[in-house]
Protein backbone atom coordinates (compact mmCIF):
# COMPACT_ATOMS: atom_id res chain seq x y z
CA MET A 1 0.03 0.13 0.03
CA GLN A 2 2.88 2.32 0.60
CA LEU A 3 3.97 2.04 -3.07
CA LEU A 4 0.45 2.80 -4.21
CA THR A 5 0.33 5.92 -2.00
CA ASP A 6 3.77 6.92 -3.32
CA PHE A 7 2.65 6.34 -6.88
CA LEU A 8 -0.58 8.28 -6.79
CA SER A 9 1.07 11.08 -4.85
CA HIS A 10 3.71 11.46 -7.39
CA LEU A 11 0.89 11.65 -10.12
CA GLU A 12 -0.92 14.14 -8.18
CA ASP A 13 2.19 16.28 -7.47
CA LYS A 14 2.87 16.36 -11.29
CA ASN A 15 -0.65 17.41 -11.79
CA HIS A 16 -1.52 14.30 -13.86
CA ILE A 17 -4.57 13.45 -11.49
CA THR A 18 -6.64 15.41 -9.19
CA GLY A 19 -7.04 14.88 -5.59
CA GLU A 20 -10.42 13.43 -6.22
CA ILE A 21 -9.16 10.85 -8.70
CA TYR A 22 -6.33 10.04 -6.16
CA LYS A 23 -9.08 9.12 -3.63
CA LYS A 24 -11.01 7.03 -5.99
CA VAL A 25 -7.97 5.14 -7.38
CA HIS A 26 -6.41 4.73 -4.02
CA LEU A 27 -9.54 2.99 -2.77
CA GLU A 28 -9.79 0.76 -5.76
CA GLY A 29 -6.04 -0.04 -5.50
CA ASN A 30 -6.34 -0.73 -1.72
CA MET A 31 -9.16 -3.16 -2.09
CA ALA A 32 -7.31 -4.96 -4.80
CA ILE A 33 -4.12 -5.24 -2.72
CA ASN A 34 -6.03 -6.32 0.47
CA SER A 35 -8.37 -8.76 -1.55
CA ASP A 36 -5.29 -10.66 -3.00
CA HIS A 37 -6.04 -9.57 -6.49
CA PRO A 38 -3.46 -11.26 -8.78
CA ASP A 39 -2.08 -7.91 -9.99
CA PRO A 40 -3.33 -4.93 -8.11
CA PHE A 41 -0.99 -2.58 -9.90
CA LYS A 42 -2.20 -3.65 -13.43
CA LEU A 43 -5.77 -2.86 -12.12
CA VAL A 44 -4.67 0.62 -10.91
CA ILE A 45 -2.71 1.24 -14.19
CA ASP A 46 -5.80 0.05 -16.10
CA LEU A 47 -8.02 2.41 -14.35
CA LEU A 48 -5.95 5.44 -14.74
CA VAL A 49 -5.54 4.86 -18.63
CA SER A 50 -8.96 3.90 -19.44
CA SER A 51 -11.15 5.76 -16.87
CA TYR A 52 -9.15 8.92 -16.30
CA SER A 53 -7.24 9.26 -19.71
CA ILE A 54 -3.76 9.32 -18.40
CA GLU A 55 -1.37 8.39 -21.01
CA GLN A 56 0.03 4.81 -20.63
CA ASN A 57 3.69 6.27 -21.09
CA THR A 58 3.12 8.77 -18.51
CA VAL A 59 1.79 5.95 -16.12
CA ASP A 60 4.55 3.64 -16.87
CA LYS A 61 7.33 6.29 -16.36
CA ALA A 62 5.81 7.46 -13.04
CA LEU A 63 5.60 3.79 -11.68
CA GLU A 64 9.24 3.19 -12.70
CA LEU A 65 10.40 6.27 -11.00
CA VAL A 66 8.32 5.75 -7.77
CA ILE A 67 9.41 2.02 -7.56
CA ALA A 68 13.09 3.14 -7.61
CA ASN A 69 12.46 5.90 -4.86
CA SER A 70 9.95 4.44 -2.64
CA SER A 71 10.61 3.73 1.04
CA ALA A 72 8.70 0.40 0.45
CA ILE A 73 11.39 -0.91 -1.79
CA SER A 74 13.98 0.20 0.73
CA TYR A 75 12.48 -1.95 3.46
CA LEU A 76 12.47 -5.00 1.12
CA HIS A 77 16.38 -4.63 0.94
CA MET A 78 16.81 -4.14 4.51
CA GLY A 79 14.52 -7.02 5.76
CA ARG A 80 12.38 -6.59 8.61
CA PRO A 81 12.91 -2.92 9.73
CA GLU A 82 11.57 -3.43 13.24
CA THR A 83 14.55 -5.68 13.94
CA ILE A 84 17.15 -3.29 12.91
CA LEU A 85 18.58 -1.63 15.81
CA ILE A 86 20.38 1.84 15.11
CA ASP A 87 22.45 3.37 17.97
CA THR A 88 25.42 5.67 18.60
CA GLU A 89 29.02 4.54 19.16
CA GLU A 90 29.11 6.22 22.48
CA ARG A 91 25.90 4.37 23.75
CA LEU A 92 27.24 1.01 22.58
CA LYS A 93 30.56 1.45 24.40
CA GLN A 94 28.51 2.48 27.46
CA GLN A 95 26.43 -0.71 27.27
CA ILE A 96 29.35 -2.88 26.88
CA VAL A 97 30.91 -1.41 29.88
CA GLU A 98 27.72 -2.01 31.84
CA VAL A 99 27.27 -5.57 30.76
CA PHE A 100 30.79 -6.88 30.53
CA GLY A 101 32.41 -4.38 33.13
CA ALA A 102 35.17 -3.67 30.25
CA ASN A 103 37.40 -0.70 30.56
CA LYS A 104 35.93 2.04 28.61
CA ASP A 105 39.28 3.42 27.50
CA LYS A 106 40.36 0.01 26.21
CA GLY A 107 37.31 -0.10 24.15
């Protein structure tokens, strides 16, 4: 669903669709994604091209650009982001000292 939001936001930002079209297509796309539609993005693209007269080339280029830049794709490469811990070097050193009683200066 994040990719769908990114895609439609991009089209709206570039004035290819209106806010009203965004809402309608987002709802249709969301229902397709959540109902296990075999190809929800084909449904969205077909809807944009046939019902709202957006040029196929415009839709294809927009989707390609958004896929490359979407945070949804970044998470696929990272794995499960909720299991990734990001911390500072200083806090890590402090935790090592607390857990292992290591000398801070020796690292």
